Amino acid sequence: MTALEFTYNLDQVSKTLRPFALRLTRDNEDANDLLQDTMLKAFTNRDKYTDGTNLKAWLYTIMKNTFITNYQRMVRRKTFIDTTDNLHYINTANNSTDNHAYSAFALEDITQAIESLDSAYKTPFMMHFRGFKYHEIAAKLEIPIGTVKNRIHIARKDLKRMLSVYSRLD
């Protein structure tokens, strides 16, 4: 594929990338920058693109990886190293004191919500929460893996509904 053909195909697909960039960044300016970075990386690495592969998927992957890299860079930039004797990493954005009263109430409500779940949903959810893999839960409970995934999904949905009051406080 020539550079001209590649550029034309990039232009055609770029229109579908903008909404994805907006979903990732949640800001018009940042979305434009991300889209521009993606197009630049795609064009400079066009020799790595193989004819016949899905260009759109290739570009989405480049965009997602670029976003993750930029995000990690931003987080590192906001973190500095304290050079005192203790050598702690300190995040400058969190300079507030919390008395933990709110978190104690929230934890109590979460525990109560989990306890109110039907045991058919609570058991796989808690096993998954404790780190068990889907296939391990399925083997332990002797149910199909699809049922495990479904029950965990339903438990999460029910918990989200029961604890919706906390989503409005942010």
N, C-alpha and C. Protein backbone atom coordinates (compact mmCIF):
# COMPACT_ATOMS: atom_id res chain seq x y z
N MET A 1 0.85 -1.17 0.00
CA MET A 1 0.00 0.00 0.00
C MET A 1 0.90 1.24 0.00
N THR A 2 0.63 2.16 -0.86
CA THR A 2 1.44 3.38 -0.94
C THR A 2 1.08 4.32 0.20
N ALA A 3 1.94 5.32 0.38
CA ALA A 3 1.71 6.30 1.45
C ALA A 3 0.43 7.07 1.19
N LEU A 4 0.13 7.34 -0.06
CA LEU A 4 -1.09 8.07 -0.41
C LEU A 4 -2.34 7.25 -0.10
N GLU A 5 -2.32 5.95 -0.46
CA GLU A 5 -3.45 5.06 -0.15
C GLU A 5 -3.63 4.93 1.36
N PHE A 6 -2.50 4.78 2.06
CA PHE A 6 -2.56 4.65 3.51
C PHE A 6 -3.16 5.90 4.14
N THR A 7 -2.73 7.07 3.67
CA THR A 7 -3.25 8.33 4.19
C THR A 7 -4.74 8.45 3.92
N TYR A 8 -5.17 8.05 2.74
CA TYR A 8 -6.60 8.10 2.41
C TYR A 8 -7.39 7.20 3.35
N ASN A 9 -6.91 5.97 3.57
CA ASN A 9 -7.60 5.04 4.47
C ASN A 9 -7.62 5.57 5.92
N LEU A 10 -6.51 6.20 6.33
CA LEU A 10 -6.47 6.80 7.67
C LEU A 10 -7.53 7.89 7.80
N ASP A 11 -7.64 8.71 6.78
CA ASP A 11 -8.61 9.79 6.79
C ASP A 11 -10.04 9.25 6.89
N GLN A 12 -10.32 8.16 6.19
CA GLN A 12 -11.66 7.58 6.21
C GLN A 12 -12.01 7.02 7.59
N VAL A 13 -11.04 6.40 8.25
CA VAL A 13 -11.29 5.75 9.54
C VAL A 13 -11.23 6.76 10.69
N SER A 14 -10.52 7.86 10.51
CA SER A 14 -10.32 8.80 11.61
C SER A 14 -11.62 9.39 12.14
N LYS A 15 -12.64 9.46 11.31
CA LYS A 15 -13.92 10.01 11.74
C LYS A 15 -14.57 9.15 12.84
N THR A 16 -14.30 7.85 12.79
CA THR A 16 -14.88 6.97 13.81
C THR A 16 -14.05 6.94 15.09
N LEU A 17 -12.82 7.45 15.04
CA LEU A 17 -11.96 7.44 16.23
C LEU A 17 -12.27 8.58 17.20
N ARG A 18 -12.80 9.69 16.70
CA ARG A 18 -13.05 10.86 17.54
C ARG A 18 -13.97 10.55 18.72
N PRO A 19 -15.11 9.87 18.53
CA PRO A 19 -15.96 9.55 19.69
C PRO A 19 -15.24 8.70 20.74
N PHE A 20 -14.39 7.78 20.26
CA PHE A 20 -13.63 6.94 21.19
C PHE A 20 -12.65 7.80 21.98
N ALA A 21 -12.00 8.75 21.31
CA ALA A 21 -11.07 9.65 21.98
C ALA A 21 -11.80 10.50 23.02
N LEU A 22 -13.00 10.95 22.69
CA LEU A 22 -13.80 11.74 23.64
C LEU A 22 -14.20 10.91 24.85
N ARG A 23 -14.53 9.63 24.63
CA ARG A 23 -14.89 8.76 25.75
C ARG A 23 -13.69 8.55 26.67
N LEU A 24 -12.50 8.43 26.08
CA LEU A 24 -11.32 8.21 26.91
C LEU A 24 -10.92 9.46 27.69
N THR A 25 -10.90 10.61 27.03
CA THR A 25 -10.37 11.82 27.65
C THR A 25 -11.42 12.67 28.34
N ARG A 26 -12.65 12.62 27.86
CA ARG A 26 -13.75 13.43 28.40
C ARG A 26 -13.48 14.94 28.28
N ASP A 27 -12.71 15.30 27.25
CA ASP A 27 -12.39 16.70 27.01
C ASP A 27 -12.11 16.88 25.52
N ASN A 28 -12.71 17.92 24.91
CA ASN A 28 -12.55 18.14 23.47
C ASN A 28 -11.10 18.36 23.07
N GLU A 29 -10.41 19.23 23.80
CA GLU A 29 -9.01 19.54 23.46
C GLU A 29 -8.13 18.30 23.58
N ASP A 30 -8.28 17.58 24.69
CA ASP A 30 -7.47 16.37 24.89
C ASP A 30 -7.81 15.30 23.85
N ALA A 31 -9.08 15.22 23.48
CA ALA A 31 -9.50 14.26 22.46
C ALA A 31 -8.86 14.59 21.11
N ASN A 32 -8.83 15.87 20.78
CA ASN A 32 -8.17 16.28 19.53
C ASN A 32 -6.68 15.95 19.55
N ASP A 33 -6.03 16.22 20.69
CA ASP A 33 -4.61 15.89 20.82
C ASP A 33 -4.37 14.39 20.70
N LEU A 34 -5.22 13.60 21.36
CA LEU A 34 -5.08 12.15 21.30
C LEU A 34 -5.28 11.64 19.88
N LEU A 35 -6.27 12.17 19.19
CA LEU A 35 -6.52 11.77 17.81
C LEU A 35 -5.33 12.14 16.93
N GLN A 36 -4.78 13.32 17.13
CA GLN A 36 -3.63 13.75 16.34
C GLN A 36 -2.41 12.88 16.64
N ASP A 37 -2.16 12.56 17.91
CA ASP A 37 -1.05 11.68 18.26
C ASP A 37 -1.21 10.30 17.63
N THR A 38 -2.45 9.81 17.64
CA THR A 38 -2.73 8.49 17.07
C THR A 38 -2.44 8.49 15.57
N MET A 39 -2.91 9.51 14.88
CA MET A 39 -2.69 9.59 13.43
C MET A 39 -1.20 9.70 13.10
N LEU A 40 -0.48 10.49 13.90
CA LEU A 40 0.95 10.65 13.69
C LEU A 40 1.68 9.33 13.89
N LYS A 41 1.36 8.64 14.98
CA LYS A 41 2.00 7.34 15.24
C LYS A 41 1.66 6.32 14.16
N ALA A 42 0.40 6.32 13.71
CA ALA A 42 0.00 5.38 12.67
C ALA A 42 0.75 5.67 11.37
N PHE A 43 0.86 6.94 11.02
CA PHE A 43 1.52 7.28 9.76
C PHE A 43 3.02 6.99 9.83
N THR A 44 3.65 7.31 10.96
CA THR A 44 5.10 7.05 11.08
C THR A 44 5.41 5.56 11.18
N ASN A 45 4.44 4.77 11.60
CA ASN A 45 4.65 3.32 11.70
C ASN A 45 3.88 2.55 10.64
N ARG A 46 3.57 3.19 9.53
CA ARG A 46 2.77 2.54 8.49
C ARG A 46 3.47 1.31 7.92
N ASP A 47 4.79 1.25 8.03
CA ASP A 47 5.52 0.07 7.53
C ASP A 47 5.20 -1.17 8.39
N LYS A 48 4.72 -0.97 9.61
CA LYS A 48 4.36 -2.09 10.49
C LYS A 48 2.95 -2.59 10.23
N TYR A 49 2.18 -1.82 9.49
CA TYR A 49 0.81 -2.23 9.15
C TYR A 49 0.86 -3.22 8.00
N THR A 50 0.13 -4.32 8.14
CA THR A 50 0.08 -5.36 7.12
C THR A 50 -1.21 -5.23 6.34
N ASP A 51 -1.09 -5.22 5.01
CA ASP A 51 -2.29 -5.15 4.17
C ASP A 51 -3.23 -6.31 4.49
N GLY A 52 -4.50 -6.00 4.51
CA GLY A 52 -5.51 -7.03 4.76
C GLY A 52 -5.93 -7.12 6.21
N THR A 53 -5.16 -6.50 7.13
CA THR A 53 -5.59 -6.51 8.53
C THR A 53 -6.56 -5.36 8.76
N ASN A 54 -7.23 -5.39 9.86
CA ASN A 54 -8.26 -4.41 10.18
C ASN A 54 -7.60 -3.10 10.62
N LEU A 55 -7.62 -2.11 9.74
CA LEU A 55 -7.00 -0.82 10.02
C LEU A 55 -7.66 -0.13 11.20
N LYS A 56 -8.97 -0.22 11.27
CA LYS A 56 -9.71 0.44 12.35
C LYS A 56 -9.28 -0.13 13.71
N ALA A 57 -9.19 -1.44 13.82
CA ALA A 57 -8.77 -2.07 15.08
C ALA A 57 -7.33 -1.69 15.42
N TRP A 58 -6.49 -1.61 14.41
CA TRP A 58 -5.09 -1.23 14.61
C TRP A 58 -5.02 0.19 15.18
N LEU A 59 -5.82 1.09 14.63
CA LEU A 59 -5.84 2.48 15.09
C LEU A 59 -6.43 2.60 16.49
N TYR A 60 -7.48 1.84 16.77
CA TYR A 60 -8.06 1.85 18.11
C TYR A 60 -7.03 1.40 19.14
N THR A 61 -6.25 0.38 18.80
CA THR A 61 -5.22 -0.12 19.71
C THR A 61 -4.15 0.94 19.93
N ILE A 62 -3.72 1.60 18.87
CA ILE A 62 -2.73 2.67 19.00
C ILE A 62 -3.28 3.77 19.90
N MET A 63 -4.55 4.15 19.69
CA MET A 63 -5.15 5.23 20.48
C MET A 63 -5.25 4.84 21.95
N LYS A 64 -5.69 3.63 22.22
CA LYS A 64 -5.83 3.19 23.61
C LYS A 64 -4.47 3.17 24.30
N ASN A 65 -3.46 2.62 23.61
CA ASN A 65 -2.12 2.55 24.21
C ASN A 65 -1.52 3.94 24.40
N THR A 66 -1.76 4.85 23.47
CA THR A 66 -1.28 6.22 23.60
C THR A 66 -1.94 6.90 24.79
N PHE A 67 -3.24 6.70 24.94
CA PHE A 67 -3.95 7.29 26.08
C PHE A 67 -3.40 6.76 27.40
N ILE A 68 -3.19 5.46 27.48
CA ILE A 68 -2.67 4.85 28.72
C ILE A 68 -1.28 5.40 29.03
N THR A 69 -0.43 5.47 28.02
CA THR A 69 0.92 5.99 28.21
C THR A 69 0.89 7.44 28.68
N ASN A 70 0.05 8.26 28.04
CA ASN A 70 -0.06 9.66 28.44
C ASN A 70 -0.60 9.80 29.86
N TYR A 71 -1.56 8.97 30.22
CA TYR A 71 -2.14 9.01 31.56
C TYR A 71 -1.09 8.65 32.60
N GLN A 72 -0.33 7.58 32.33
CA GLN A 72 0.71 7.17 33.28
C GLN A 72 1.78 8.24 33.42
N ARG A 73 2.11 8.91 32.31
CA ARG A 73 3.09 9.99 32.34
C ARG A 73 2.57 11.14 33.21
N MET A 74 1.28 11.46 33.08
CA MET A 74 0.69 12.54 33.86
C MET A 74 0.71 12.20 35.35
N VAL A 75 0.39 10.97 35.69
CA VAL A 75 0.39 10.55 37.10
C VAL A 75 1.80 10.63 37.67
N ARG A 76 2.79 10.19 36.89
CA ARG A 76 4.17 10.26 37.36
C ARG A 76 4.62 11.71 37.56
N ARG A 77 4.14 12.60 36.69
CA ARG A 77 4.52 14.00 36.77
C ARG A 77 3.96 14.63 38.04
N LYS A 78 2.80 14.17 38.50
CA LYS A 78 2.18 14.74 39.70
C LYS A 78 2.74 14.13 40.98
N THR A 79 3.59 13.14 40.87
CA THR A 79 4.17 12.49 42.03
C THR A 79 5.63 12.92 42.15
N PHE A 80 6.02 13.28 43.36
CA PHE A 80 7.42 13.63 43.55
C PHE A 80 7.98 12.80 44.68
N ILE A 81 9.29 12.76 44.73
CA ILE A 81 9.98 11.95 45.75
C ILE A 81 10.42 12.87 46.88
N ASP A 82 10.03 12.52 48.08
CA ASP A 82 10.44 13.25 49.26
C ASP A 82 11.87 12.82 49.58
N THR A 83 12.78 13.77 49.65
CA THR A 83 14.19 13.42 49.87
C THR A 83 14.58 13.44 51.35
N THR A 84 13.60 13.45 52.23
CA THR A 84 13.92 13.38 53.65
C THR A 84 14.38 11.97 53.97
N ASP A 85 14.71 11.73 55.23
CA ASP A 85 15.26 10.44 55.63
C ASP A 85 14.30 9.28 55.37
N ASN A 86 12.99 9.52 55.40
CA ASN A 86 12.02 8.44 55.23
C ASN A 86 11.84 8.03 53.78
N LEU A 87 12.14 8.91 52.83
CA LEU A 87 12.03 8.63 51.39
C LEU A 87 10.66 8.08 51.00
N HIS A 88 9.61 8.82 51.28
CA HIS A 88 8.25 8.43 50.91
C HIS A 88 7.89 9.03 49.57
N TYR A 89 7.02 8.33 48.84
CA TYR A 89 6.41 8.92 47.66
C TYR A 89 5.17 9.66 48.13
N ILE A 90 5.06 10.90 47.75
CA ILE A 90 3.94 11.72 48.20
C ILE A 90 3.20 12.22 46.98
N ASN A 91 1.89 12.06 46.98
CA ASN A 91 1.09 12.57 45.88
C ASN A 91 0.61 13.96 46.27
N THR A 92 1.00 14.95 45.49
CA THR A 92 0.72 16.34 45.85
C THR A 92 -0.76 16.68 45.78
N ALA A 93 -1.56 15.93 45.06
CA ALA A 93 -2.97 16.25 44.90
C ALA A 93 -3.79 15.91 46.14
N ASN A 94 -3.27 15.06 47.00
CA ASN A 94 -4.04 14.62 48.18
C ASN A 94 -3.48 15.24 49.45
N ASN A 95 -3.79 16.50 49.67
CA ASN A 95 -3.33 17.18 50.87
C ASN A 95 -4.47 17.42 51.85
N SER A 96 -5.41 16.51 51.95
CA SER A 96 -6.53 16.68 52.85
C SER A 96 -6.49 15.63 53.96
N THR A 97 -7.16 15.96 55.04
CA THR A 97 -7.25 15.06 56.17
C THR A 97 -8.66 14.50 56.22
N ASP A 98 -8.77 13.22 56.50
CA ASP A 98 -10.07 12.56 56.52
C ASP A 98 -10.23 11.88 57.87
N ASN A 99 -11.39 12.04 58.50
CA ASN A 99 -11.59 11.41 59.80
C ASN A 99 -12.20 10.02 59.68
N HIS A 100 -12.41 9.53 58.52
CA HIS A 100 -12.87 8.17 58.22
C HIS A 100 -14.30 7.87 58.66
N ALA A 101 -15.05 8.86 59.12
CA ALA A 101 -16.44 8.62 59.51
C ALA A 101 -17.27 8.23 58.31
N TYR A 102 -17.09 8.96 57.22
CA TYR A 102 -17.85 8.66 56.00
C TYR A 102 -17.54 7.24 55.51
N SER A 103 -16.27 6.85 55.52
CA SER A 103 -15.92 5.52 55.03
C SER A 103 -16.45 4.43 55.95
N ALA A 104 -16.57 4.70 57.24
CA ALA A 104 -17.13 3.72 58.17
C ALA A 104 -18.60 3.48 57.87
N PHE A 105 -19.33 4.57 57.59
CA PHE A 105 -20.74 4.43 57.22
C PHE A 105 -20.88 3.69 55.89
N ALA A 106 -20.03 4.04 54.94
CA ALA A 106 -20.09 3.41 53.62
C ALA A 106 -19.78 1.93 53.74
N LEU A 107 -18.76 1.57 54.51
CA LEU A 107 -18.40 0.17 54.68
C LEU A 107 -19.54 -0.62 55.32
N GLU A 108 -20.19 0.00 56.29
CA GLU A 108 -21.33 -0.65 56.93
C GLU A 108 -22.47 -0.88 55.93
N ASP A 109 -22.73 0.12 55.10
CA ASP A 109 -23.79 -0.01 54.08
C ASP A 109 -23.42 -1.07 53.03
N ILE A 110 -22.17 -1.11 52.64
CA ILE A 110 -21.72 -2.11 51.66
C ILE A 110 -21.88 -3.51 52.23
N THR A 111 -21.44 -3.68 53.46
CA THR A 111 -21.56 -4.99 54.11
C THR A 111 -23.02 -5.40 54.21
N GLN A 112 -23.87 -4.48 54.58
CA GLN A 112 -25.31 -4.76 54.70
C GLN A 112 -25.90 -5.12 53.33
N ALA A 113 -25.49 -4.40 52.30
CA ALA A 113 -26.00 -4.68 50.95
C ALA A 113 -25.56 -6.05 50.47
N ILE A 114 -24.30 -6.41 50.73
CA ILE A 114 -23.81 -7.73 50.33
C ILE A 114 -24.56 -8.83 51.08
N GLU A 115 -24.79 -8.63 52.37
CA GLU A 115 -25.50 -9.62 53.17
C GLU A 115 -26.94 -9.80 52.70
N SER A 116 -27.53 -8.75 52.12
CA SER A 116 -28.92 -8.85 51.67
C SER A 116 -29.07 -9.57 50.33
N LEU A 117 -27.94 -9.83 49.65
CA LEU A 117 -28.00 -10.55 48.38
C LEU A 117 -28.45 -11.99 48.61
N ASP A 118 -29.12 -12.55 47.63
CA ASP A 118 -29.48 -13.96 47.66
C ASP A 118 -28.19 -14.77 47.65
N SER A 119 -28.14 -15.87 48.37
CA SER A 119 -26.90 -16.65 48.49
C SER A 119 -26.41 -17.18 47.14
N ALA A 120 -27.33 -17.40 46.21
CA ALA A 120 -26.93 -17.87 44.88
C ALA A 120 -26.05 -16.83 44.17
N TYR A 121 -26.24 -15.54 44.49
CA TYR A 121 -25.45 -14.47 43.89
C TYR A 121 -24.29 -14.05 44.80
N LYS A 122 -24.55 -14.08 46.11
CA LYS A 122 -23.54 -13.62 47.06
C LYS A 122 -22.31 -14.52 47.07
N THR A 123 -22.50 -15.84 47.03
CA THR A 123 -21.38 -16.75 47.12
C THR A 123 -20.40 -16.59 45.96
N PRO A 124 -20.85 -16.64 44.68
CA PRO A 124 -19.87 -16.43 43.60
C PRO A 124 -19.27 -15.03 43.62
N PHE A 125 -20.07 -14.03 43.98
CA PHE A 125 -19.55 -12.66 44.03
C PHE A 125 -18.43 -12.55 45.05
N MET A 126 -18.65 -13.06 46.24
CA MET A 126 -17.64 -12.97 47.29
C MET A 126 -16.39 -13.78 46.95
N MET A 127 -16.57 -14.93 46.30
CA MET A 127 -15.41 -15.72 45.89
C MET A 127 -14.59 -14.94 44.85
N HIS A 128 -15.29 -14.31 43.90
CA HIS A 128 -14.59 -13.50 42.89
C HIS A 128 -13.91 -12.30 43.55
N PHE A 129 -14.58 -11.68 44.50
CA PHE A 129 -14.02 -10.54 45.23
C PHE A 129 -12.75 -10.95 45.98
N ARG A 130 -12.72 -12.16 46.49
CA ARG A 130 -11.55 -12.65 47.24
C ARG A 130 -10.42 -13.12 46.33
N GLY A 131 -10.65 -13.09 45.01
CA GLY A 131 -9.56 -13.39 44.08
C GLY A 131 -9.67 -14.68 43.31
N PHE A 132 -10.74 -15.44 43.52
CA PHE A 132 -10.90 -16.66 42.76
C PHE A 132 -11.20 -16.33 41.30
N LYS A 133 -10.69 -17.14 40.40
CA LYS A 133 -10.98 -17.00 38.97
C LYS A 133 -12.33 -17.64 38.68
N TYR A 134 -12.91 -17.23 37.54
CA TYR A 134 -14.23 -17.75 37.17
C TYR A 134 -14.25 -19.28 37.14
N HIS A 135 -13.22 -19.87 36.51
CA HIS A 135 -13.22 -21.33 36.38
C HIS A 135 -13.07 -22.02 37.74
N GLU A 136 -12.37 -21.37 38.68
CA GLU A 136 -12.22 -21.94 40.02
C GLU A 136 -13.56 -21.90 40.77
N ILE A 137 -14.28 -20.81 40.60
CA ILE A 137 -15.59 -20.68 41.24
C ILE A 137 -16.55 -21.71 40.66
N ALA A 138 -16.52 -21.86 39.34
CA ALA A 138 -17.41 -22.83 38.67
C ALA A 138 -17.12 -24.24 39.17
N ALA A 139 -15.85 -24.59 39.31
CA ALA A 139 -15.49 -25.93 39.77
C ALA A 139 -15.90 -26.14 41.23
N LYS A 140 -15.67 -25.13 42.06
CA LYS A 140 -15.99 -25.25 43.49
C LYS A 140 -17.51 -25.36 43.72
N LEU A 141 -18.28 -24.56 42.97
CA LEU A 141 -19.73 -24.56 43.16
C LEU A 141 -20.44 -25.58 42.26
N GLU A 142 -19.67 -26.20 41.37
CA GLU A 142 -20.20 -27.21 40.44
C GLU A 142 -21.33 -26.65 39.58
N ILE A 143 -21.07 -25.45 38.99
CA ILE A 143 -22.01 -24.83 38.07
C ILE A 143 -21.24 -24.38 36.84
N PRO A 144 -21.92 -24.18 35.71
CA PRO A 144 -21.22 -23.74 34.50
C PRO A 144 -20.59 -22.35 34.67
N ILE A 145 -19.50 -22.12 33.95
CA ILE A 145 -18.78 -20.85 34.06
C ILE A 145 -19.65 -19.67 33.62
N GLY A 146 -20.53 -19.89 32.65
CA GLY A 146 -21.44 -18.83 32.21
C GLY A 146 -22.39 -18.43 33.32
N THR A 147 -22.83 -19.39 34.10
CA THR A 147 -23.71 -19.11 35.23
C THR A 147 -22.97 -18.29 36.29
N VAL A 148 -21.69 -18.62 36.51
CA VAL A 148 -20.87 -17.88 37.46
C VAL A 148 -20.77 -16.42 37.03
N LYS A 149 -20.44 -16.21 35.76
CA LYS A 149 -20.30 -14.84 35.25
C LYS A 149 -21.63 -14.08 35.37
N ASN A 150 -22.72 -14.75 35.04
CA ASN A 150 -24.03 -14.12 35.11
C ASN A 150 -24.39 -13.75 36.55
N ARG A 151 -24.14 -14.64 37.48
CA ARG A 151 -24.48 -14.36 38.88
C ARG A 151 -23.64 -13.22 39.45
N ILE A 152 -22.37 -13.17 39.08
CA ILE A 152 -21.51 -12.08 39.53
C ILE A 152 -22.00 -10.76 38.93
N HIS A 153 -22.38 -10.80 37.66
CA HIS A 153 -22.90 -9.60 37.00
C HIS A 153 -24.17 -9.11 37.69
N ILE A 154 -25.08 -10.01 37.99
CA ILE A 154 -26.34 -9.64 38.65
C ILE A 154 -26.06 -9.10 40.06
N ALA A 155 -25.12 -9.73 40.77
CA ALA A 155 -24.78 -9.25 42.12
C ALA A 155 -24.23 -7.83 42.05
N ARG A 156 -23.35 -7.57 41.09
CA ARG A 156 -22.79 -6.21 40.93
C ARG A 156 -23.89 -5.21 40.61
N LYS A 157 -24.78 -5.60 39.71
CA LYS A 157 -25.87 -4.71 39.33
C LYS A 157 -26.77 -4.40 40.53
N ASP A 158 -27.10 -5.43 41.31
CA ASP A 158 -27.94 -5.23 42.50
C ASP A 158 -27.23 -4.35 43.53
N LEU A 159 -25.94 -4.57 43.73
CA LEU A 159 -25.18 -3.77 44.69
C LEU A 159 -25.10 -2.31 44.22
N LYS A 160 -24.92 -2.13 42.94
CA LYS A 160 -24.87 -0.77 42.40
C LYS A 160 -26.19 -0.05 42.64
N ARG A 161 -27.29 -0.78 42.44
CA ARG A 161 -28.60 -0.19 42.68
C ARG A 161 -28.79 0.12 44.16
N MET A 162 -28.44 -0.81 45.04
CA MET A 162 -28.63 -0.62 46.48
C MET A 162 -27.73 0.49 47.04
N LEU A 163 -26.58 0.70 46.42
CA LEU A 163 -25.62 1.68 46.93
C LEU A 163 -25.57 2.94 46.05
N SER A 164 -26.62 3.17 45.28
CA SER A 164 -26.62 4.29 44.34
C SER A 164 -26.50 5.64 45.04
N VAL A 165 -26.87 5.72 46.30
CA VAL A 165 -26.77 6.97 47.03
C VAL A 165 -25.32 7.48 47.06
N TYR A 166 -24.36 6.58 47.05
CA TYR A 166 -22.95 6.98 47.10
C TYR A 166 -22.44 7.50 45.76
N SER A 167 -23.07 7.14 44.68
CA SER A 167 -22.63 7.62 43.38
C SER A 167 -22.99 9.09 43.18
N ARG A 168 -23.94 9.60 43.89
CA ARG A 168 -24.39 10.99 43.75
C ARG A 168 -23.60 11.94 44.65
N LEU A 169 -22.77 11.41 45.52
CA LEU A 169 -22.06 12.26 46.47
C LEU A 169 -20.75 12.81 45.91
N ASP A 170 -20.25 12.28 44.82
CA ASP A 170 -18.94 12.71 44.29
C ASP A 170 -19.00 14.03 43.64
